Every structure is written in C-alpha cells, then in structure tokens.
Amino acid sequence: MQVKHDIVCVLSHSYGDLVTCYNIRAARLPGFHTCVGSGGEKLLPEWYTDKGITLILSTEIVKADLASKTLVSADRETFKYEILVIATGSTVLRLTDFGVQGADSKNILYLREINDADKIVEVTKAKKKGKVVIVGGGYIGLELSAVMKLNHMDVTMVYPESWCMPRLFTADIASFYEEYYTNKGVHIIKGTVAVGFNINDHREVKAVKLKDGRVLEADIVVVGVGARPLMALFKGQVEEDKGGIKTDSFFKTSVDGVYAVGDVATFPMKMYNDIRRVEHVDHARKSAEQAVKAIYASQQGKTIDEYDYLPFFYSRSFDLTWQFYGDNVGDAVIFGNKNPISQNPKFGAYWVKDGKVVGTFLEGGSPEENKAIARVARARPAADDLDALAKTGLEFALMNLNASAN
C-alpha cells in the first residue's frame, strides 16, 4: 500500500525524565507530552485530528530513499512525501556496545524510551530496599541516583571521570553535588569503570566488577553512559558534520525538501559563529518550531530570521534545581553559598572569555533570578575584574536584567 503525504515527520519517542521524580511510578501517559514543559498544549490524539495531522503510531520506518522521496515501514507500507522532517532523536549507548562481559544480564537497565522507564519502575518495586549501582555520572546518573535513594534503595554511583557532569560542571561546582549526594547516603566511586558482571542461575545481575578490582553487590544496575543520534536510515544520503546531519539555520539539510531537527541536527550556532549538535529537549522543541516556520514561510514566498539558539540545560534532584545558559568556556567565577549542608544553598558561576560573560549557572534560583542569568548569557556583558564579579555575584545578573528593562 502506498500513502502520499505533503509533509512527513519521522520521529522516535524518548522519555529521559519519566522516572526522575520523587516517587517511582509508571509514566503518566498520555499526560506526558513533549511540548507541555515549554508551555505548549497537551498533544492528545484528538489534538492531531483537530489540526489536520495524521498521527501514525507503532510504525517503524526501515528504509528511506531520499532521492525518490519514499519511506518504507517494517510492514512494507510505502509513504511518499513532498517534505520530510527527520526527528529520530538519539539511542542510548549500551555496555554491550563495548563488549563488557555479562552486560546482557537481567536487571541491567537503561533510560531512554517509555519501555525503559516502565521496566525501571517494575524492577525497583520488585527489589525494594535493594542495592542499586548507577554506572555513569552525568544527567541520568545524578537524577536516577537521587530517585533511587528517595525510594529507599542502597545506591552507589560509579564513573570514570574525576568529577560528575564533567562536560558542564567545573571541579568546584561538582564538589558541591558530590558532597550533597554523599550526605544523602549515595556512595560515589570515581576514576573506574564497570568491566563485568556476576549473575545468578536466573541470569539476574548480582554484582558489578570494576576495573580497579572492587566488586559491588547489585540487585539492579542502571547505565547512563551517553547516547548517539539515530541516523542509520539516512547514511550516505545527506551531508554530515560533527556526528550529526548538517543543516542550515532553518534546519534544511543538503537534500532538497528534507529537514532535520533535535539531537540529529548539526546546525550553525549563531551566537558563537560555529556549528554544533545539541542533545536537549529545549533545543528539540525550538529547532522543530524553527523548521516548521521555515517550511511554511518558504511555501508562502516569505523569509524568517535565522535560528539564534542560547544553549540551555537544567536538572532537578532531591531538593536541588539548577539552570545553565550559554557556553562554559574561559574562566569560571564561582559565587554564593555552596555549602552542601546548608538548608537552602544558592550559588552560581559565570564563565568569562575575552572580557565578556559567555555562560551562567545558578543553583536554587527563583524564576526571576534564572531569567536574569539567561539574559546575561544572551547579552554577554563586559566583566574585566573577576574578583569584583565574584563579590557582586548574583546581583550582577539582576542589575543587568533591570538595566535592560529600563
């Protein structure tokens, strides 16, 4: 059967935040929607119908021929299109990809898709107050360690780097979170990796073997060691760069009528005059919006502004919540109260390069304060005296926010 559509969007569903809440529970679908977090509508099935959108679920595309503008599903259904939007996202890196012994054992879990989230909930309930080893010290590691601890599990984090979240945090920032987690009862082991697993007769994991020789008992292992963009369908058919599908500022690829958004897109970062690939829900939403605007503008013979993205990352765990904006390059200037045993810690950082603030970070900020640090990262004001900047602290961002409002 062949189906003809004007615009086709090929996507996958990834729900990285589904169990990063205080109480382990199944995902609240269909109440969990990609756009709700940014103030959008709940995308119930009737929403698509009302908008004139044909929503086709449980259908895997196994072949894409961009030259003939044709997609083929696993059920051998053919879809013809005029415009294609590639929104396939990323897939999780698995320890089996690295040949780790025993990595295919039961109760070694990952968090990317809805089924992963459901499995974590199921196994955690079955292994109440059990031992959990979290492999990885990034987003997944930190957020799931907190969730597991809040659900009365015995939690150990293991990661090879010298500190957690090394791609974003400085050692100084990371030390706060590591001590905070330790005080909450999370055991942290740094500078080593999992090299194998012990299993029982039911092929369930019972222990994690580390490269440094230690063996950790485990009823559950959750792995968060990164992801890679899902581009196999389009390999050799579109131009690539920096591990993604190369696009322009409107998310058009090198193939006419084909757009790529979200994790798979490598796009011009106008603010910094370079090209990047960004894995984050904020960019996924905004890049999709930009592509759709560009498509409709083109059909109407109009133009839109280039994509001018301000990098944004955030996280919530335990009673902590932080936001980051901009670029973490140059000198990091730390300010505020970063005592991990404080009842209400609030601290932040500015990254200063070539005499300008290019990045901002704030733990425990109010909505107004987070808005202020975002504005600073966007405006990149001058900051020649780093000592004075540290002393002024958050007030520097608030003063800039008030100045821009006047």
Protein backbone atom coordinates (compact mmCIF):
# COMPACT_ATOMS: atom_id res chain seq x y z
CA MET A 1 0.00 0.00 0.00
CA GLN A 2 1.30 3.46 -0.88
CA VAL A 3 0.31 6.57 1.08
CA LYS A 4 1.02 10.12 -0.14
CA HIS A 5 1.61 12.97 2.33
CA ASP A 6 2.70 16.56 1.79
CA ILE A 7 4.83 16.65 4.95
CA VAL A 8 6.11 13.58 6.83
CA CYS A 9 7.90 13.70 10.17
CA VAL A 10 9.93 10.61 11.11
CA LEU A 11 10.44 10.54 14.85
CA SER A 12 11.09 8.36 17.86
CA HIS A 13 9.79 8.78 21.40
CA SER A 14 12.42 9.26 24.12
CA TYR A 15 11.34 9.97 27.67
CA GLY A 16 14.53 10.63 29.61
CA ASP A 17 12.75 12.30 32.55
CA LEU A 18 9.94 9.81 33.12
CA VAL A 19 11.14 8.33 36.37
CA THR A 20 13.23 11.23 37.64
CA CYS A 21 10.62 12.14 40.20
CA TYR A 22 10.44 11.70 43.94
CA ASN A 23 8.31 8.56 43.90
CA ILE A 24 8.91 5.79 41.41
CA ARG A 25 5.77 5.36 39.34
CA ALA A 26 4.75 4.50 35.83
CA ALA A 27 4.87 7.28 33.26
CA ARG A 28 1.73 9.40 33.18
CA LEU A 29 0.77 8.89 29.56
CA PRO A 30 -0.87 10.46 27.69
CA GLY A 31 -0.35 13.21 30.26
CA PHE A 32 3.37 13.42 29.45
CA HIS A 33 3.85 15.47 26.31
CA THR A 34 6.92 16.92 24.70
CA CYS A 35 5.61 20.46 24.42
CA VAL A 36 3.90 20.86 27.80
CA GLY A 37 7.17 21.63 29.57
CA SER A 38 7.62 24.77 27.47
CA GLY A 39 4.05 25.98 27.91
CA GLY A 40 2.56 24.11 24.95
CA GLU A 41 -0.65 22.14 24.71
CA LYS A 42 -1.22 18.50 25.67
CA LEU A 43 -0.93 16.55 22.46
CA LEU A 44 -3.77 14.10 22.90
CA PRO A 45 -4.79 12.03 19.83
CA GLU A 46 -7.72 14.36 19.15
CA TRP A 47 -5.32 17.33 19.08
CA TYR A 48 -3.71 15.91 15.94
CA THR A 49 -7.09 15.25 14.37
CA ASP A 50 -8.27 18.77 15.09
CA LYS A 51 -5.10 20.17 13.47
CA GLY A 52 -5.50 18.04 10.35
CA ILE A 53 -2.45 15.90 11.20
CA THR A 54 -2.42 12.17 10.52
CA LEU A 55 -0.76 10.51 13.51
CA ILE A 56 0.63 7.05 12.75
CA LEU A 57 1.91 5.18 15.81
CA SER A 58 3.57 1.79 16.27
CA THR A 59 5.03 2.02 12.78
CA GLU A 60 8.77 1.61 12.22
CA ILE A 61 10.37 3.06 9.14
CA VAL A 62 13.05 0.63 7.96
CA LYS A 63 14.08 2.23 4.67
CA ALA A 64 14.37 5.81 3.44
CA ASP A 65 15.10 6.72 -0.17
CA LEU A 66 15.55 10.48 -0.24
CA ALA A 67 16.11 10.59 -3.98
CA SER A 68 12.65 9.16 -4.70
CA LYS A 69 11.08 10.77 -1.61
CA THR A 70 9.93 7.40 -0.33
CA LEU A 71 9.78 5.73 3.09
CA VAL A 72 9.07 2.06 3.72
CA SER A 73 7.76 0.64 7.01
CA ALA A 74 8.50 -2.72 8.64
CA ASP A 75 5.05 -3.80 7.40
CA ARG A 76 6.12 -2.90 3.84
CA GLU A 77 3.82 0.08 3.66
CA THR A 78 5.19 2.83 1.41
CA PHE A 79 4.93 6.53 2.23
CA LYS A 80 5.56 9.20 -0.40
CA TYR A 81 6.26 12.75 0.72
CA GLU A 82 6.99 16.21 -0.58
CA ILE A 83 8.75 17.42 2.58
CA LEU A 84 10.46 15.20 5.16
CA VAL A 85 11.37 16.20 8.74
CA ILE A 86 13.93 13.90 10.38
CA ALA A 87 13.29 13.92 14.13
CA THR A 88 14.62 10.50 15.06
CA GLY A 89 16.48 11.64 18.19
CA SER A 90 19.15 9.52 19.84
CA THR A 91 19.53 5.99 21.09
CA VAL A 92 21.23 5.01 24.31
CA LEU A 93 24.78 3.65 24.37
CA ARG A 94 24.79 0.17 25.92
CA LEU A 95 27.58 -1.65 27.69
CA THR A 96 27.13 -4.48 25.20
CA ASP A 97 28.35 -1.99 22.57
CA PHE A 98 31.71 -2.01 24.37
CA GLY A 99 31.87 -5.77 24.84
CA VAL A 100 31.50 -5.67 28.63
CA GLN A 101 31.22 -9.22 29.99
CA GLY A 102 27.72 -10.08 31.26
CA ALA A 103 26.25 -6.76 30.11
CA ASP A 104 23.21 -8.55 28.63
CA SER A 105 22.12 -9.87 32.05
CA LYS A 106 18.69 -9.24 33.52
CA ASN A 107 18.16 -6.10 35.63
CA ILE A 108 20.86 -4.14 33.82
CA LEU A 109 18.69 -1.24 32.76
CA TYR A 110 18.80 1.93 30.67
CA LEU A 111 16.58 5.01 30.47
CA ARG A 112 15.65 6.35 27.06
CA GLU A 113 12.30 5.04 25.88
CA ILE A 114 8.93 4.64 27.59
CA ASN A 115 9.51 0.88 27.91
CA ASP A 116 12.81 1.58 29.72
CA ALA A 117 11.01 3.78 32.23
CA ASP A 118 8.32 1.16 32.83
CA LYS A 119 10.97 -1.52 33.35
CA ILE A 120 12.83 0.59 35.93
CA VAL A 121 9.60 1.12 37.85
CA GLU A 122 8.76 -2.59 37.71
CA VAL A 123 12.18 -3.83 38.83
CA THR A 124 12.55 -1.19 41.56
CA LYS A 125 9.24 -2.25 43.09
CA ALA A 126 10.30 -5.89 42.93
CA LYS A 127 13.67 -5.20 44.59
CA LYS A 128 12.50 -2.95 47.44
CA LYS A 129 15.36 -1.60 49.57
CA GLY A 130 17.79 -3.44 47.33
CA LYS A 131 21.26 -2.48 46.15
CA VAL A 132 21.46 -0.28 43.05
CA VAL A 133 24.62 0.52 41.13
CA ILE A 134 24.39 3.51 38.79
CA VAL A 135 27.02 3.41 36.02
CA GLY A 136 27.71 6.96 34.82
CA GLY A 137 27.98 10.37 36.43
CA GLY A 138 26.02 12.56 34.03
CA TYR A 139 22.33 13.54 33.85
CA ILE A 140 20.97 10.00 34.10
CA GLY A 141 23.40 9.03 36.84
CA LEU A 142 22.72 12.02 39.05
CA GLU A 143 18.95 12.16 38.61
CA LEU A 144 18.34 8.43 38.95
CA SER A 145 20.67 8.14 41.94
CA ALA A 146 18.51 10.72 43.70
CA VAL A 147 15.28 8.98 42.71
CA MET A 148 16.53 5.58 43.86
CA LYS A 149 17.73 6.97 47.18
CA LEU A 150 14.43 8.73 47.78
CA ASN A 151 12.78 5.35 47.21
CA HIS A 152 14.86 3.78 49.99
CA MET A 153 17.37 1.91 47.83
CA ASP A 154 21.06 1.43 48.68
CA VAL A 155 22.72 3.45 45.90
CA THR A 156 26.27 3.53 44.54
CA MET A 157 27.36 5.69 41.60
CA VAL A 158 30.39 4.70 39.52
CA TYR A 159 32.01 6.85 36.85
CA PRO A 160 35.49 7.11 35.28
CA GLU A 161 35.91 10.88 35.39
CA SER A 162 37.46 12.91 38.20
CA TRP A 163 34.11 14.57 38.96
CA CYS A 164 30.44 14.32 37.97
CA MET A 165 28.96 16.08 34.91
CA PRO A 166 32.43 16.92 33.57
CA ARG A 167 31.13 18.23 30.25
CA LEU A 168 29.32 21.03 32.08
CA PHE A 169 30.47 21.30 35.71
CA THR A 170 33.81 22.58 36.88
CA ALA A 171 35.50 20.56 39.62
CA ASP A 172 34.41 23.23 42.12
CA ILE A 173 30.74 23.03 41.12
CA ALA A 174 30.82 19.23 41.02
CA SER A 175 32.27 19.03 44.53
CA PHE A 176 29.07 20.57 45.93
CA TYR A 177 26.83 17.96 44.30
CA GLU A 178 29.12 15.07 45.17
CA GLU A 179 29.20 16.06 48.85
CA TYR A 180 25.44 16.75 48.87
CA TYR A 181 24.74 13.29 47.41
CA THR A 182 27.16 11.69 49.87
CA ASN A 183 25.35 13.35 52.75
CA LYS A 184 22.10 11.89 51.39
CA GLY A 185 23.61 8.42 51.56
CA VAL A 186 24.67 7.92 47.93
CA HIS A 187 28.05 6.17 47.67
CA ILE A 188 30.28 7.63 44.95
CA ILE A 189 33.18 5.80 43.30
CA LYS A 190 35.21 7.81 40.80
CA GLY A 191 38.03 7.02 38.40
CA THR A 192 37.00 3.50 37.39
CA VAL A 193 34.54 1.67 35.14
CA ALA A 194 32.45 -1.49 35.09
CA VAL A 195 34.27 -4.29 33.28
CA GLY A 196 31.95 -7.20 34.01
CA PHE A 197 29.04 -8.59 36.00
CA ASN A 198 28.36 -11.60 38.18
CA ILE A 199 25.00 -13.25 37.59
CA ASN A 200 22.86 -15.94 39.24
CA ASP A 201 21.23 -19.02 37.72
CA HIS A 202 18.33 -16.89 36.51
CA ARG A 203 20.75 -14.60 34.63
CA GLU A 204 19.98 -11.76 37.02
CA VAL A 205 22.83 -9.42 37.86
CA LYS A 206 24.23 -9.94 41.37
CA ALA A 207 27.44 -7.90 41.33
CA VAL A 208 29.38 -5.33 39.32
CA LYS A 209 33.08 -5.91 38.71
CA LEU A 210 35.12 -2.71 38.50
CA LYS A 211 38.37 -2.15 36.65
CA ASP A 212 40.15 -1.27 39.90
CA GLY A 213 39.37 -4.74 41.28
CA ARG A 214 36.44 -3.89 43.52
CA VAL A 215 33.23 -5.92 43.30
CA LEU A 216 29.93 -4.23 44.20
CA GLU A 217 26.83 -6.20 45.16
CA ALA A 218 23.88 -5.22 42.99
CA ASP A 219 20.23 -6.16 42.60
CA ILE A 220 19.76 -3.51 39.91
CA VAL A 221 22.21 -1.74 37.61
CA VAL A 222 21.18 1.38 35.71
CA VAL A 223 23.54 2.56 32.99
CA GLY A 224 23.80 6.13 31.73
CA VAL A 225 26.95 6.48 29.64
CA GLY A 226 25.72 8.57 26.74
CA ALA A 227 23.76 8.38 23.51
CA ARG A 228 24.26 8.55 19.77
CA PRO A 229 21.99 10.11 17.13
CA LEU A 230 19.75 7.79 15.12
CA MET A 231 20.87 8.44 11.54
CA ALA A 232 21.34 4.97 10.01
CA LEU A 233 18.31 5.36 7.71
CA PHE A 234 19.89 8.37 6.05
CA LYS A 235 23.58 7.41 5.95
CA GLY A 236 25.21 8.30 2.65
CA GLN A 237 22.19 10.32 1.52
CA VAL A 238 22.71 13.58 3.43
CA GLU A 239 25.76 15.61 4.34
CA GLU A 240 27.00 15.04 7.91
CA ASP A 241 29.15 17.05 10.29
CA LYS A 242 30.24 16.64 13.92
CA GLY A 243 28.35 13.41 14.33
CA GLY A 244 25.03 14.72 13.05
CA ILE A 245 23.11 15.64 9.91
CA LYS A 246 24.38 19.01 8.71
CA THR A 247 21.71 21.70 8.40
CA ASP A 248 21.46 25.43 7.86
CA SER A 249 19.87 27.94 10.25
CA PHE A 250 16.41 26.80 9.09
CA PHE A 251 17.26 23.10 9.59
CA LYS A 252 17.32 22.36 5.88
CA THR A 253 19.70 19.53 5.02
CA SER A 254 21.80 19.11 1.88
CA VAL A 255 18.84 17.35 0.24
CA ASP A 256 16.04 19.47 -1.13
CA GLY A 257 12.82 19.12 0.86
CA VAL A 258 14.48 17.34 3.79
CA TYR A 259 14.85 18.92 7.24
CA ALA A 260 16.49 17.56 10.42
CA VAL A 261 15.76 18.74 13.97
CA GLY A 262 16.69 17.91 17.55
CA ASP A 263 19.51 15.56 18.52
CA VAL A 264 20.37 14.54 14.95
CA ALA A 265 20.91 18.07 13.61
CA THR A 266 24.28 19.80 13.43
CA PHE A 267 23.41 23.46 12.95
CA PRO A 268 25.01 26.94 12.92
CA MET A 269 25.28 28.35 16.44
CA LYS A 270 24.89 32.00 15.51
CA MET A 271 25.94 33.38 18.90
CA TYR A 272 29.34 31.70 18.76
CA ASN A 273 29.92 31.61 15.00
CA ASP A 274 30.42 27.85 14.86
CA ILE A 275 28.37 24.70 14.25
CA ARG A 276 27.19 22.33 16.97
CA ARG A 277 24.95 19.40 17.72
CA VAL A 278 22.88 19.76 20.92
CA GLU A 279 21.16 16.92 22.80
CA HIS A 280 18.47 18.56 24.91
CA VAL A 281 14.69 18.81 24.95
CA ASP A 282 14.78 22.64 24.84
CA HIS A 283 16.65 22.62 21.53
CA ALA A 284 14.48 19.76 20.23
CA ARG A 285 11.36 21.87 20.75
CA LYS A 286 12.82 25.09 19.38
CA SER A 287 14.53 23.55 16.35
CA ALA A 288 11.28 21.82 15.38
CA GLU A 289 9.42 25.12 15.66
CA GLN A 290 12.06 26.84 13.52
CA ALA A 291 11.88 24.16 10.83
CA VAL A 292 8.08 24.32 10.63
CA LYS A 293 8.14 28.12 10.41
CA ALA A 294 10.75 27.90 7.66
CA ILE A 295 8.70 25.35 5.70
CA TYR A 296 5.55 27.45 5.78
CA ALA A 297 7.42 30.67 5.06
CA SER A 298 9.01 29.06 2.01
CA GLN A 299 5.62 27.91 0.73
CA GLN A 300 4.34 31.47 1.07
CA GLY A 301 7.39 33.04 -0.54
CA LYS A 302 8.46 34.65 2.74
CA THR A 303 11.56 34.50 4.92
CA ILE A 304 12.14 34.15 8.67
CA ASP A 305 15.02 35.04 10.97
CA GLU A 306 17.95 32.67 11.35
CA TYR A 307 17.95 30.31 14.33
CA ASP A 308 19.73 32.05 17.19
CA TYR A 309 19.82 29.49 19.96
CA LEU A 310 21.00 30.14 23.51
CA PRO A 311 22.19 26.80 24.96
CA PHE A 312 20.11 25.85 27.99
CA PHE A 313 20.40 22.90 30.36
CA TYR A 314 18.71 22.20 33.66
CA SER A 315 18.19 19.47 36.24
CA ARG A 316 16.17 18.71 39.36
CA SER A 317 17.13 16.17 42.02
CA PHE A 318 16.46 15.84 45.74
CA ASP A 319 15.65 19.44 46.77
CA LEU A 320 18.10 20.86 44.25
CA THR A 321 17.40 22.59 40.96
CA TRP A 322 19.88 24.26 38.66
CA GLN A 323 19.90 26.02 35.31
CA PHE A 324 22.74 26.76 32.89
CA TYR A 325 22.81 29.11 29.91
CA GLY A 326 25.40 29.88 27.27
CA ASP A 327 28.89 28.46 26.91
CA ASN A 328 31.13 27.00 29.62
CA VAL A 329 34.45 28.25 28.23
CA GLY A 330 37.01 30.64 29.69
CA ASP A 331 37.47 31.40 33.39
CA ALA A 332 34.78 30.15 35.79
CA VAL A 333 33.89 32.63 38.54
CA ILE A 334 32.03 31.00 41.46
CA PHE A 335 29.79 32.97 43.81
CA GLY A 336 27.25 32.43 46.57
CA ASN A 337 26.63 29.82 49.27
CA LYS A 338 27.77 26.39 48.09
CA ASN A 339 27.81 24.72 51.47
CA PRO A 340 26.18 21.30 50.83
CA ILE A 341 24.87 21.06 54.40
CA SER A 342 23.18 24.45 54.22
CA GLN A 343 19.39 24.34 54.44
CA ASN A 344 18.96 26.48 51.33
CA PRO A 345 22.16 26.52 49.28
CA LYS A 346 22.24 29.07 46.49
CA PHE A 347 25.31 29.56 44.37
CA GLY A 348 26.30 30.07 40.79
CA ALA A 349 29.01 30.70 38.26
CA TYR A 350 29.87 32.99 35.40
CA TRP A 351 32.16 31.90 32.59
CA VAL A 352 34.23 34.79 31.28
CA LYS A 353 36.09 34.74 27.98
CA ASP A 354 37.87 37.67 26.33
CA GLY A 355 36.50 40.03 28.96
CA LYS A 356 32.86 39.03 28.45
CA VAL A 357 30.46 36.80 30.37
CA VAL A 358 29.60 33.95 27.97
CA GLY A 359 27.99 31.42 30.31
CA THR A 360 25.94 31.39 33.51
CA PHE A 361 24.91 28.79 36.07
CA LEU A 362 22.66 29.02 39.12
CA GLU A 363 21.64 26.50 41.77
CA GLY A 364 18.48 27.26 43.74
CA GLY A 365 17.42 30.28 41.71
CA SER A 366 13.97 31.85 41.63
CA PRO A 367 12.19 32.31 38.27
CA GLU A 368 13.32 35.96 38.20
CA GLU A 369 16.92 35.04 39.04
CA ASN A 370 17.00 32.33 36.37
CA LYS A 371 15.63 34.83 33.88
CA ALA A 372 18.41 37.22 34.87
CA ILE A 373 21.24 34.73 34.30
CA ALA A 374 19.71 33.76 30.95
CA ARG A 375 19.66 37.41 29.93
CA VAL A 376 23.32 37.81 30.88
CA ALA A 377 24.35 34.77 28.84
CA ARG A 378 22.50 36.18 25.86
CA ALA A 379 23.80 39.76 26.23
CA ARG A 380 27.42 38.78 27.08
CA PRO A 381 28.21 41.94 29.08
CA ALA A 382 31.77 43.03 29.85
CA ALA A 383 33.42 41.69 33.00
CA ASP A 384 37.10 42.58 33.23
CA ASP A 385 37.56 42.27 37.01
CA LEU A 386 36.92 38.64 38.00
CA ASP A 387 37.37 39.28 41.73
CA ALA A 388 34.78 42.06 41.62
CA LEU A 389 32.44 39.80 39.65
CA ALA A 390 32.73 37.08 42.31
CA LYS A 391 31.93 39.59 45.06
CA THR A 392 28.97 41.06 43.17
CA GLY A 393 27.69 37.56 42.45
CA LEU A 394 24.04 37.15 41.50
CA GLU A 395 23.47 40.89 41.83
CA PHE A 396 25.50 41.34 38.63
CA ALA A 397 22.85 39.42 36.67
CA LEU A 398 19.95 41.16 38.43
CA MET A 399 21.41 44.59 37.73
CA ASN A 400 21.79 43.70 34.05
CA LEU A 401 18.21 42.44 33.94
CA ASN A 402 16.89 45.67 35.49
CA ALA A 403 19.05 47.78 33.19
CA SER A 404 17.70 46.04 30.11
CA ALA A 405 14.11 46.53 31.35
CA ASN A 406 14.59 50.32 31.71
